[in-house]
């Protein structure tokens, strides 16, 4: 299946197309945010506090009079950065551990997988809270915590692919012909193990944003006055009866971003998985 066939299949897949459109719109919003936002995201205007949506403040204002529309737009950058960096932090070591575990097996496999099982024994959000509490609450530590939490997921996915691939004749032929372990792993096994990694990384972007928003909601993520969606949602719960817009719009932003990555990831899975593509 060449790249053009994959591109056409991607465009024919409604789920992937819808997700891709949402992601593109969000990325464009993040890029042109400073020109699109009518107000400063952090400068308070006390006289305008808790105003409802209108012609001047499209999404209304928060308890300090800050423009919610501007804060949501600037928060797009933070959320995309959290998703991307968190996925990289989990993807790179998780992939390496999965490759080593699946390829060498025996004691190496047992040690790595038992370590991953220990991490998987903790609920993801509780482990992220624990790591963030140790490192102290901040945006950087949130990304590190979310990244560490999902390392075992990538390790297990890559390991399962490696266990299947190393039994294939062409991989065994490379070993019999004197190919080194490094060449076999990174030239022959890793490229063929990429489809499930790509799919899970795409879905992982949405999951990472959701986990970071949960930490921000609990006060363990980005700290004020940063316009992070989870922190904005936490502030909005205090005014849910008198000013529901304060929390509603950050919540909708999280919903659309996560929905976009989930739809796109599901579409990629349908395209890259041969068993699903043949149905």
C-alpha atoms as a PDB file:
ATOM      1  CA  UNK A   1       0.000   0.000   0.000  1.00  0.00           C
ATOM      2  CA  UNK A   2       1.743   3.171  -1.194  1.00  0.00           C
ATOM      3  CA  UNK A   3       1.435   6.653   0.260  1.00  0.00           C
ATOM      4  CA  UNK A   4      -1.083   7.874  -2.323  1.00  0.00           C
ATOM      5  CA  UNK A   5      -3.392   4.909  -1.686  1.00  0.00           C
ATOM      6  CA  UNK A   6      -3.136   5.579   2.039  1.00  0.00           C
ATOM      7  CA  UNK A   7      -3.910   9.267   1.494  1.00  0.00           C
ATOM      8  CA  UNK A   8      -6.984   8.442  -0.592  1.00  0.00           C
ATOM      9  CA  UNK A   9      -8.151   5.926   2.025  1.00  0.00           C
ATOM     10  CA  UNK A  10      -7.654   8.592   4.681  1.00  0.00           C
ATOM     11  CA  UNK A  11      -9.753  11.075   2.744  1.00  0.00           C
ATOM     12  CA  UNK A  12     -12.454   8.441   2.147  1.00  0.00           C
ATOM     13  CA  UNK A  13     -12.622   7.647   5.860  1.00  0.00           C
ATOM     14  CA  UNK A  14     -15.192  10.005   7.379  1.00  0.00           C
ATOM     15  CA  UNK A  15     -13.930   9.545  10.917  1.00  0.00           C
ATOM     16  CA  UNK A  16     -10.335  10.347   9.994  1.00  0.00           C
ATOM     17  CA  UNK A  17     -11.357  13.284   7.799  1.00  0.00           C
ATOM     18  CA  UNK A  18     -13.545  14.825  10.504  1.00  0.00           C
ATOM     19  CA  UNK A  19     -10.810  14.385  13.098  1.00  0.00           C
ATOM     20  CA  UNK A  20      -8.175  15.834  10.781  1.00  0.00           C
ATOM     21  CA  UNK A  21     -10.327  18.905  10.067  1.00  0.00           C
ATOM     22  CA  UNK A  22     -10.810  19.520  13.798  1.00  0.00           C
ATOM     23  CA  UNK A  23      -7.071  19.124  14.468  1.00  0.00           C
ATOM     24  CA  UNK A  24      -6.133  21.473  11.602  1.00  0.00           C
ATOM     25  CA  UNK A  25      -8.565  24.131  12.815  1.00  0.00           C
ATOM     26  CA  UNK A  26      -7.189  23.881  16.362  1.00  0.00           C
ATOM     27  CA  UNK A  27      -3.578  24.055  15.158  1.00  0.00           C
ATOM     28  CA  UNK A  28      -4.365  27.117  13.028  1.00  0.00           C
ATOM     29  CA  UNK A  29      -6.042  28.718  16.039  1.00  0.00           C
ATOM     30  CA  UNK A  30      -2.928  28.067  18.125  1.00  0.00           C
ATOM     31  CA  UNK A  31      -0.650  29.561  15.459  1.00  0.00           C
ATOM     32  CA  UNK A  32      -2.624  32.752  14.854  1.00  0.00           C
ATOM     33  CA  UNK A  33      -3.790  33.044  18.465  1.00  0.00           C
ATOM     34  CA  UNK A  34      -2.051  36.369  19.263  1.00  0.00           C
ATOM     35  CA  UNK A  35      -3.722  38.009  16.249  1.00  0.00           C
ATOM     36  CA  UNK A  36      -7.079  36.348  16.845  1.00  0.00           C
ATOM     37  CA  UNK A  37      -7.467  37.102  20.564  1.00  0.00           C
ATOM     38  CA  UNK A  38      -9.033  40.546  21.168  1.00  0.00           C
ATOM     39  CA  UNK A  39      -7.727  40.888  24.750  1.00  0.00           C
ATOM     40  CA  UNK A  40      -4.781  39.873  26.882  1.00  0.00           C
ATOM     41  CA  UNK A  41      -5.309  36.403  28.396  1.00  0.00           C
ATOM     42  CA  UNK A  42      -3.811  37.352  31.773  1.00  0.00           C
ATOM     43  CA  UNK A  43      -4.614  41.050  32.265  1.00  0.00           C
ATOM     44  CA  UNK A  44      -7.589  41.448  34.662  1.00  0.00           C
ATOM     45  CA  UNK A  45     -10.325  44.049  34.173  1.00  0.00           C
ATOM     46  CA  UNK A  46     -12.161  44.078  37.537  1.00  0.00           C
ATOM     47  CA  UNK A  47     -15.029  46.227  36.271  1.00  0.00           C
ATOM     48  CA  UNK A  48     -15.902  43.570  33.657  1.00  0.00           C
ATOM     49  CA  UNK A  49     -15.880  40.536  35.967  1.00  0.00           C
ATOM     50  CA  UNK A  50     -18.335  37.671  35.301  1.00  0.00           C
ATOM     51  CA  UNK A  51     -19.959  39.273  32.275  1.00  0.00           C
ATOM     52  CA  UNK A  52     -21.904  36.952  30.032  1.00  0.00           C
ATOM     53  CA  UNK A  53     -21.098  36.303  26.359  1.00  0.00           C
ATOM     54  CA  UNK A  54     -21.694  39.356  24.175  1.00  0.00           C
ATOM     55  CA  UNK A  55     -20.422  41.428  21.279  1.00  0.00           C
ATOM     56  CA  UNK A  56     -17.363  42.671  23.183  1.00  0.00           C
ATOM     57  CA  UNK A  57     -16.471  39.540  25.155  1.00  0.00           C
ATOM     58  CA  UNK A  58     -17.568  36.699  22.888  1.00  0.00           C
ATOM     59  CA  UNK A  59     -17.267  34.023  25.604  1.00  0.00           C
ATOM     60  CA  UNK A  60     -17.840  36.397  28.516  1.00  0.00           C
ATOM     61  CA  UNK A  61     -15.342  37.150  31.305  1.00  0.00           C
ATOM     62  CA  UNK A  62     -14.111  35.284  34.377  1.00  0.00           C
ATOM     63  CA  UNK A  63     -14.019  36.283  38.043  1.00  0.00           C
ATOM     64  CA  UNK A  64     -11.129  38.705  37.436  1.00  0.00           C
ATOM     65  CA  UNK A  65     -12.633  40.253  34.321  1.00  0.00           C
ATOM     66  CA  UNK A  66     -10.301  38.433  31.929  1.00  0.00           C
ATOM     67  CA  UNK A  67     -11.675  37.649  28.480  1.00  0.00           C
ATOM     68  CA  UNK A  68     -12.571  33.945  28.348  1.00  0.00           C
ATOM     69  CA  UNK A  69     -12.388  33.842  24.535  1.00  0.00           C
ATOM     70  CA  UNK A  70      -8.785  35.096  24.583  1.00  0.00           C
ATOM     71  CA  UNK A  71      -7.844  32.685  27.355  1.00  0.00           C
ATOM     72  CA  UNK A  72      -9.341  29.720  25.500  1.00  0.00           C
ATOM     73  CA  UNK A  73      -7.413  30.659  22.351  1.00  0.00           C
ATOM     74  CA  UNK A  74      -4.101  31.013  24.185  1.00  0.00           C
ATOM     75  CA  UNK A  75      -4.872  27.807  26.060  1.00  0.00           C
ATOM     76  CA  UNK A  76      -4.905  25.993  22.724  1.00  0.00           C
ATOM     77  CA  UNK A  77      -1.137  26.402  22.488  1.00  0.00           C
ATOM     78  CA  UNK A  78      -0.615  25.074  25.990  1.00  0.00           C
ATOM     79  CA  UNK A  79      -2.837  22.034  25.436  1.00  0.00           C
ATOM     80  CA  UNK A  80      -1.214  21.124  22.107  1.00  0.00           C
ATOM     81  CA  UNK A  81       2.235  21.514  23.670  1.00  0.00           C
ATOM     82  CA  UNK A  82       1.212  19.311  26.599  1.00  0.00           C
ATOM     83  CA  UNK A  83      -0.121  16.628  24.265  1.00  0.00           C
ATOM     84  CA  UNK A  84       2.909  16.627  21.967  1.00  0.00           C
ATOM     85  CA  UNK A  85       5.630  16.710  24.637  1.00  0.00           C
ATOM     86  CA  UNK A  86       3.865  14.174  26.862  1.00  0.00           C
ATOM     87  CA  UNK A  87       3.525  11.738  23.963  1.00  0.00           C
ATOM     88  CA  UNK A  88       7.217  12.141  23.068  1.00  0.00           C
ATOM     89  CA  UNK A  89       8.227  11.542  26.701  1.00  0.00           C
ATOM     90  CA  UNK A  90       6.233   8.306  26.780  1.00  0.00           C
ATOM     91  CA  UNK A  91       6.784   7.234  23.162  1.00  0.00           C
ATOM     92  CA  UNK A  92      10.589   7.243  22.996  1.00  0.00           C
ATOM     93  CA  UNK A  93      11.463   5.253  26.145  1.00  0.00           C
ATOM     94  CA  UNK A  94       8.350   3.099  25.788  1.00  0.00           C
ATOM     95  CA  UNK A  95       9.316   2.118  22.242  1.00  0.00           C
ATOM     96  CA  UNK A  96      12.919   1.354  23.225  1.00  0.00           C
ATOM     97  CA  UNK A  97      11.845  -0.757  26.196  1.00  0.00           C
ATOM     98  CA  UNK A  98       9.314  -2.627  24.057  1.00  0.00           C
ATOM     99  CA  UNK A  99      11.931  -3.323  21.377  1.00  0.00           C
ATOM    100  CA  UNK A 100      14.453  -4.642  23.908  1.00  0.00           C
ATOM    101  CA  UNK A 101      11.867  -6.699  25.757  1.00  0.00           C
ATOM    102  CA  UNK A 102      10.361  -8.331  22.693  1.00  0.00           C
ATOM    103  CA  UNK A 103      13.604  -8.933  20.827  1.00  0.00           C
ATOM    104  CA  UNK A 104      15.875 -10.299  23.556  1.00  0.00           C
ATOM    105  CA  UNK A 105      13.190 -12.011  25.655  1.00  0.00           C
ATOM    106  CA  UNK A 106      14.029 -14.170  28.665  1.00  0.00           C
ATOM    107  CA  UNK A 107      15.424 -12.213  31.637  1.00  0.00           C
ATOM    108  CA  UNK A 108      15.423  -8.884  29.809  1.00  0.00           C
ATOM    109  CA  UNK A 109      11.779  -9.340  28.886  1.00  0.00           C
ATOM    110  CA  UNK A 110      10.851 -10.479  32.383  1.00  0.00           C
ATOM    111  CA  UNK A 111      12.571  -7.556  34.115  1.00  0.00           C
ATOM    112  CA  UNK A 112      11.166  -4.879  31.804  1.00  0.00           C
ATOM    113  CA  UNK A 113       7.627  -6.243  31.726  1.00  0.00           C
ATOM    114  CA  UNK A 114       7.424  -6.746  35.491  1.00  0.00           C
ATOM    115  CA  UNK A 115       8.536  -3.144  35.944  1.00  0.00           C
ATOM    116  CA  UNK A 116       5.871  -2.015  33.489  1.00  0.00           C
ATOM    117  CA  UNK A 117       3.293  -4.137  35.339  1.00  0.00           C
ATOM    118  CA  UNK A 118       4.113  -2.311  38.572  1.00  0.00           C
ATOM    119  CA  UNK A 119       3.437   1.037  36.877  1.00  0.00           C
ATOM    120  CA  UNK A 120       0.242  -0.292  35.281  1.00  0.00           C
ATOM    121  CA  UNK A 121      -0.997  -1.464  38.679  1.00  0.00           C
ATOM    122  CA  UNK A 122      -1.648   2.172  39.632  1.00  0.00           C
ATOM    123  CA  UNK A 123      -4.599   4.080  38.091  1.00  0.00           C
ATOM    124  CA  UNK A 124      -3.179   6.558  35.558  1.00  0.00           C
ATOM    125  CA  UNK A 125      -4.546   9.687  37.211  1.00  0.00           C
ATOM    126  CA  UNK A 126      -3.371   8.634  40.691  1.00  0.00           C
ATOM    127  CA  UNK A 127       0.127   7.894  39.435  1.00  0.00           C
ATOM    128  CA  UNK A 128       0.216  11.244  37.627  1.00  0.00           C
ATOM    129  CA  UNK A 129      -0.920  13.020  40.813  1.00  0.00           C
ATOM    130  CA  UNK A 130       1.775  11.208  42.820  1.00  0.00           C
ATOM    131  CA  UNK A 131       4.544  12.139  40.382  1.00  0.00           C
ATOM    132  CA  UNK A 132       3.375  15.747  40.101  1.00  0.00           C
ATOM    133  CA  UNK A 133       3.149  16.094  43.880  1.00  0.00           C
ATOM    134  CA  UNK A 134       6.740  14.887  44.236  1.00  0.00           C
ATOM    135  CA  UNK A 135       8.087  17.172  41.502  1.00  0.00           C
ATOM    136  CA  UNK A 136       5.818  20.101  42.591  1.00  0.00           C
ATOM    137  CA  UNK A 137       2.894  21.440  40.532  1.00  0.00           C
ATOM    138  CA  UNK A 138       3.875  23.161  37.276  1.00  0.00           C
ATOM    139  CA  UNK A 139       3.216  22.889  33.553  1.00  0.00           C
ATOM    140  CA  UNK A 140       6.584  21.226  32.882  1.00  0.00           C
ATOM    141  CA  UNK A 141       6.127  18.644  35.629  1.00  0.00           C
ATOM    142  CA  UNK A 142       2.608  17.924  34.382  1.00  0.00           C
ATOM    143  CA  UNK A 143       3.993  16.954  30.983  1.00  0.00           C
ATOM    144  CA  UNK A 144       6.674  14.799  32.619  1.00  0.00           C
ATOM    145  CA  UNK A 145       4.130  13.065  34.867  1.00  0.00           C
ATOM    146  CA  UNK A 146       1.669  12.338  32.052  1.00  0.00           C
ATOM    147  CA  UNK A 147       4.535  11.111  29.864  1.00  0.00           C
ATOM    148  CA  UNK A 148       5.852   8.713  32.515  1.00  0.00           C
ATOM    149  CA  UNK A 149       2.386   7.297  33.210  1.00  0.00           C
ATOM    150  CA  UNK A 150       1.938   6.087  29.614  1.00  0.00           C
ATOM    151  CA  UNK A 151       5.414   4.602  29.043  1.00  0.00           C
ATOM    152  CA  UNK A 152       4.156   1.067  29.914  1.00  0.00           C
ATOM    153  CA  UNK A 153       1.370   1.298  27.328  1.00  0.00           C
ATOM    154  CA  UNK A 154       3.815   1.958  24.487  1.00  0.00           C
ATOM    155  CA  UNK A 155       6.231  -0.689  25.806  1.00  0.00           C
ATOM    156  CA  UNK A 156       3.545  -3.394  25.758  1.00  0.00           C
ATOM    157  CA  UNK A 157       2.231  -2.418  22.317  1.00  0.00           C
ATOM    158  CA  UNK A 158       5.728  -2.428  20.775  1.00  0.00           C
ATOM    159  CA  UNK A 159       6.661  -5.666  22.540  1.00  0.00           C
ATOM    160  CA  UNK A 160       3.654  -7.489  21.097  1.00  0.00           C
ATOM    161  CA  UNK A 161       4.549  -6.289  17.585  1.00  0.00           C
ATOM    162  CA  UNK A 162       8.185  -7.336  18.000  1.00  0.00           C
ATOM    163  CA  UNK A 163       7.221 -10.804  19.246  1.00  0.00           C
ATOM    164  CA  UNK A 164       5.213 -11.311  16.058  1.00  0.00           C
ATOM    165  CA  UNK A 165       7.748  -9.762  13.681  1.00  0.00           C
ATOM    166  CA  UNK A 166      10.852 -11.574  14.934  1.00  0.00           C
ATOM    167  CA  UNK A 167       9.227 -14.906  14.031  1.00  0.00           C
ATOM    168  CA  UNK A 168       8.840 -13.843  10.406  1.00  0.00           C
ATOM    169  CA  UNK A 169      11.168 -15.496   7.887  1.00  0.00           C
ATOM    170  CA  UNK A 170      12.708 -12.270   6.592  1.00  0.00           C
ATOM    171  CA  UNK A 171      13.717 -11.235  10.134  1.00  0.00           C
ATOM    172  CA  UNK A 172      15.196 -14.643  10.842  1.00  0.00           C
ATOM    173  CA  UNK A 173      17.044 -14.497   7.508  1.00  0.00           C
ATOM    174  CA  UNK A 174      18.705 -11.218   8.528  1.00  0.00           C
ATOM    175  CA  UNK A 175      19.965 -12.863  11.726  1.00  0.00           C
ATOM    176  CA  UNK A 176      21.237 -15.958   9.905  1.00  0.00           C
ATOM    177  CA  UNK A 177      23.062 -13.763   7.380  1.00  0.00           C
ATOM    178  CA  UNK A 178      25.025 -12.112  10.169  1.00  0.00           C
ATOM    179  CA  UNK A 179      23.009  -8.937  10.691  1.00  0.00           C
ATOM    180  CA  UNK A 180      23.735  -7.237  14.001  1.00  0.00           C
ATOM    181  CA  UNK A 181      21.116  -6.865  16.690  1.00  0.00           C
ATOM    182  CA  UNK A 182      21.009  -3.091  16.205  1.00  0.00           C
ATOM    183  CA  UNK A 183      20.503  -3.430  12.456  1.00  0.00           C
ATOM    184  CA  UNK A 184      17.808  -6.064  12.890  1.00  0.00           C
ATOM    185  CA  UNK A 185      15.938  -4.027  15.510  1.00  0.00           C
ATOM    186  CA  UNK A 186      16.109  -0.537  14.020  1.00  0.00           C
ATOM    187  CA  UNK A 187      16.255  -1.242  10.269  1.00  0.00           C
ATOM    188  CA  UNK A 188      13.991  -4.256   9.892  1.00  0.00           C
ATOM    189  CA  UNK A 189      11.740  -4.584  12.961  1.00  0.00           C
ATOM    190  CA  UNK A 190      11.011  -1.005  14.044  1.00  0.00           C
ATOM    191  CA  UNK A 191       9.733   0.295  10.644  1.00  0.00           C
ATOM    192  CA  UNK A 192       7.301  -2.636  10.428  1.00  0.00           C
ATOM    193  CA  UNK A 193       6.139  -2.039  14.003  1.00  0.00           C
ATOM    194  CA  UNK A 194       5.326   1.620  13.372  1.00  0.00           C
ATOM    195  CA  UNK A 195       1.598   1.413  12.374  1.00  0.00           C
ATOM    196  CA  UNK A 196       0.278   0.529  15.854  1.00  0.00           C
ATOM    197  CA  UNK A 197       2.710   3.006  17.412  1.00  0.00           C
ATOM    198  CA  UNK A 198       1.457   5.814  15.159  1.00  0.00           C
ATOM    199  CA  UNK A 199      -2.178   4.990  15.920  1.00  0.00           C
ATOM    200  CA  UNK A 200      -1.636   4.834  19.674  1.00  0.00           C
ATOM    201  CA  UNK A 201       0.438   8.031  19.660  1.00  0.00           C
ATOM    202  CA  UNK A 202      -2.384   9.850  17.868  1.00  0.00           C
ATOM    203  CA  UNK A 203      -4.933   8.607  20.369  1.00  0.00           C
ATOM    204  CA  UNK A 204      -2.422   9.352  23.119  1.00  0.00           C
ATOM    205  CA  UNK A 205      -2.426  13.045  22.235  1.00  0.00           C
ATOM    206  CA  UNK A 206      -6.066  13.316  23.242  1.00  0.00           C
ATOM    207  CA  UNK A 207      -5.519  11.211  26.356  1.00  0.00           C
ATOM    208  CA  UNK A 208      -2.547  13.333  27.413  1.00  0.00           C
ATOM    209  CA  UNK A 209      -4.550  16.548  27.020  1.00  0.00           C
ATOM    210  CA  UNK A 210      -7.354  15.029  29.083  1.00  0.00           C
ATOM    211  CA  UNK A 211      -5.002  13.870  31.848  1.00  0.00           C
ATOM    212  CA  UNK A 212      -3.230  17.249  31.946  1.00  0.00           C
ATOM    213  CA  UNK A 213      -6.606  18.999  32.148  1.00  0.00           C
ATOM    214  CA  UNK A 214      -7.538  16.736  35.070  1.00  0.00           C
ATOM    215  CA  UNK A 215      -4.319  17.680  36.870  1.00  0.00           C
ATOM    216  CA  UNK A 216      -4.963  21.350  36.110  1.00  0.00           C
ATOM    217  CA  UNK A 217      -8.495  20.971  37.471  1.00  0.00           C
ATOM    218  CA  UNK A 218      -7.023  19.641  40.722  1.00  0.00           C
ATOM    219  CA  UNK A 219      -4.550  22.521  40.919  1.00  0.00           C
ATOM    220  CA  UNK A 220      -1.526  20.320  40.124  1.00  0.00           C
ATOM    221  CA  UNK A 221      -0.985  21.450  36.538  1.00  0.00           C
ATOM    222  CA  UNK A 222      -0.273  24.841  35.025  1.00  0.00           C
ATOM    223  CA  UNK A 223      -0.342  27.545  37.672  1.00  0.00           C
ATOM    224  CA  UNK A 224      -2.120  30.927  37.502  1.00  0.00           C
ATOM    225  CA  UNK A 225      -2.212  33.100  35.523  1.00  0.00           C
ATOM    226  CA  UNK A 226      -1.479  30.638  32.687  1.00  0.00           C
ATOM    227  CA  UNK A 227      -4.636  30.099  30.589  1.00  0.00           C
ATOM    228  CA  UNK A 228      -4.717  26.307  30.797  1.00  0.00           C
ATOM    229  CA  UNK A 229      -8.081  24.722  30.073  1.00  0.00           C
ATOM    230  CA  UNK A 230      -8.156  22.403  33.094  1.00  0.00           C
ATOM    231  CA  UNK A 231      -7.359  25.247  35.498  1.00  0.00           C
ATOM    232  CA  UNK A 232      -9.991  27.434  33.812  1.00  0.00           C
ATOM    233  CA  UNK A 233     -12.525  24.632  34.218  1.00  0.00           C
ATOM    234  CA  UNK A 234     -11.645  24.386  37.903  1.00  0.00           C
ATOM    235  CA  UNK A 235     -12.220  28.109  38.363  1.00  0.00           C
ATOM    236  CA  UNK A 236     -15.509  27.904  36.497  1.00  0.00           C
ATOM    237  CA  UNK A 237     -17.005  25.318  38.849  1.00  0.00           C
ATOM    238  CA  UNK A 238     -17.170  27.983  41.573  1.00  0.00           C
ATOM    239  CA  UNK A 239     -19.481  30.078  39.400  1.00  0.00           C
ATOM    240  CA  UNK A 240     -21.423  27.320  37.664  1.00  0.00           C
ATOM    241  CA  UNK A 241     -24.770  28.696  38.861  1.00  0.00           C
ATOM    242  CA  UNK A 242     -24.237  32.438  38.350  1.00  0.00           C
ATOM    243  CA  UNK A 243     -21.777  32.373  35.409  1.00  0.00           C
ATOM    244  CA  UNK A 244     -21.751  28.925  33.730  1.00  0.00           C
ATOM    245  CA  UNK A 245     -19.880  30.288  30.694  1.00  0.00           C
ATOM    246  CA  UNK A 246     -16.639  30.545  32.723  1.00  0.00           C
ATOM    247  CA  UNK A 247     -16.307  26.756  32.797  1.00  0.00           C
ATOM    248  CA  UNK A 248     -18.421  25.803  29.787  1.00  0.00           C
ATOM    249  CA  UNK A 249     -16.160  27.137  27.043  1.00  0.00           C
ATOM    250  CA  UNK A 250     -12.873  25.628  28.325  1.00  0.00           C
ATOM    251  CA  UNK A 251     -14.772  22.346  28.750  1.00  0.00           C
ATOM    252  CA  UNK A 252     -15.999  22.479  25.155  1.00  0.00           C
ATOM    253  CA  UNK A 253     -12.468  23.248  23.962  1.00  0.00           C
ATOM    254  CA  UNK A 254     -11.161  20.120  25.724  1.00  0.00           C
ATOM    255  CA  UNK A 255     -14.018  18.084  24.263  1.00  0.00           C
ATOM    256  CA  UNK A 256     -13.326  19.133  20.661  1.00  0.00           C
ATOM    257  CA  UNK A 257      -9.563  18.683  20.913  1.00  0.00           C
ATOM    258  CA  UNK A 258      -9.833  15.188  22.395  1.00  0.00           C
ATOM    259  CA  UNK A 259     -12.615  14.298  19.932  1.00  0.00           C
ATOM    260  CA  UNK A 260     -10.454  15.394  17.006  1.00  0.00           C
ATOM    261  CA  UNK A 261      -7.516  13.199  17.981  1.00  0.00           C
ATOM    262  CA  UNK A 262      -9.765  10.236  18.814  1.00  0.00           C
ATOM    263  CA  UNK A 263     -11.582  10.400  15.464  1.00  0.00           C
ATOM    264  CA  UNK A 264      -8.319  10.764  13.561  1.00  0.00           C
ATOM    265  CA  UNK A 265      -6.696   7.931  15.522  1.00  0.00           C
ATOM    266  CA  UNK A 266      -9.644   5.610  14.888  1.00  0.00           C
ATOM    267  CA  UNK A 267      -9.478   6.439  11.185  1.00  0.00           C
ATOM    268  CA  UNK A 268      -5.749   5.737  11.059  1.00  0.00           C
ATOM    269  CA  UNK A 269      -6.309   2.402  12.780  1.00  0.00           C
ATOM    270  CA  UNK A 270      -8.883   1.410  10.156  1.00  0.00           C
ATOM    271  CA  UNK A 271      -6.423   2.324   7.384  1.00  0.00           C
ATOM    272  CA  UNK A 272      -3.191   0.923   8.832  1.00  0.00           C
ATOM    273  CA  UNK A 273      -4.625  -2.337  10.216  1.00  0.00           C
ATOM    274  CA  UNK A 274      -4.693  -4.856   7.327  1.00  0.00           C
ATOM    275  CA  UNK A 275      -7.382  -7.002   8.987  1.00  0.00           C
ATOM    276  CA  UNK A 276      -9.742  -4.018   9.280  1.00  0.00           C
ATOM    277  CA  UNK A 277      -8.869  -2.711   5.812  1.00  0.00           C
ATOM    278  CA  UNK A 278      -9.804  -6.014   4.174  1.00  0.00           C
ATOM    279  CA  UNK A 279     -13.302  -6.080   5.672  1.00  0.00           C
END
